[in-house]
Structures are given as C-alpha cells and as structure tokens.
Amino acid sequence: MIITTPEKAEEMCKYIISRFDSEIKFLYDKKDRERGYIETTSRRGEKLKFPFVSVSIAIVTNEFRDFRSDLEISEVAAELKKKLKQMKGSCYLKDRRRG
C-alpha cells in the first residue's frame, strides 16, 4: 500500500511498473529472457509457457467520492484487482466512479 495524493498516483504507478518490468527480467535465466517467457514441462510431458511475473496496482482515492470505512476502501481495491488480473502484463487501474 502506498499513500499519496491523487495527483501523484498515476505518475507513481507508471514509475513503479517501469522499474519493476525493467528489473524483474534479471531474475530469469538468459534463455528465458531471450524467449520472453518461461517454458516448463508438465507432469504429463506437455510443454507449458508462462509469462514473466508482473505487477498490478489498484488506485483508490477520495478524489471523486468519500469513503466511510477502511473496509469500503478494501472492497473497491479488491474489485479493481479482480479486473487487473484479467489484463496481461504489468498495469494499473484507477477507480473513477463517483459517489
């Protein structure tokens, strides 16, 4: 969790994602980096491909609405994270709903 002003949130997300994506690849073998994904064999002998680890960030602010509790904030963040997990790669999503 990061606490910042609404004006700085998206800029921070872009920075975090950029740094994460540029550094995470060095945790993988050179062969995987060159391919751009991880390749492994399942118990059944099938070749499987997996993308590199990514980061997803939910932005919840009081810019467009007031929250009554931390539970309400957590619920909105969980909704956003669910949507983010459907997207490929590192990304962020800002809640822009009003009231």
Foldseek 3Di string as FASTA:
>chain_A
DDDDDPVCVVVVLVVVQVVCVVPQLVVDDPVCVVVQWDWDADPVRDIDTGHGDAAEEEAEDPPAHDDDDVVVVVVNRVVQVVVRVVDDHYYYDYDPDHD
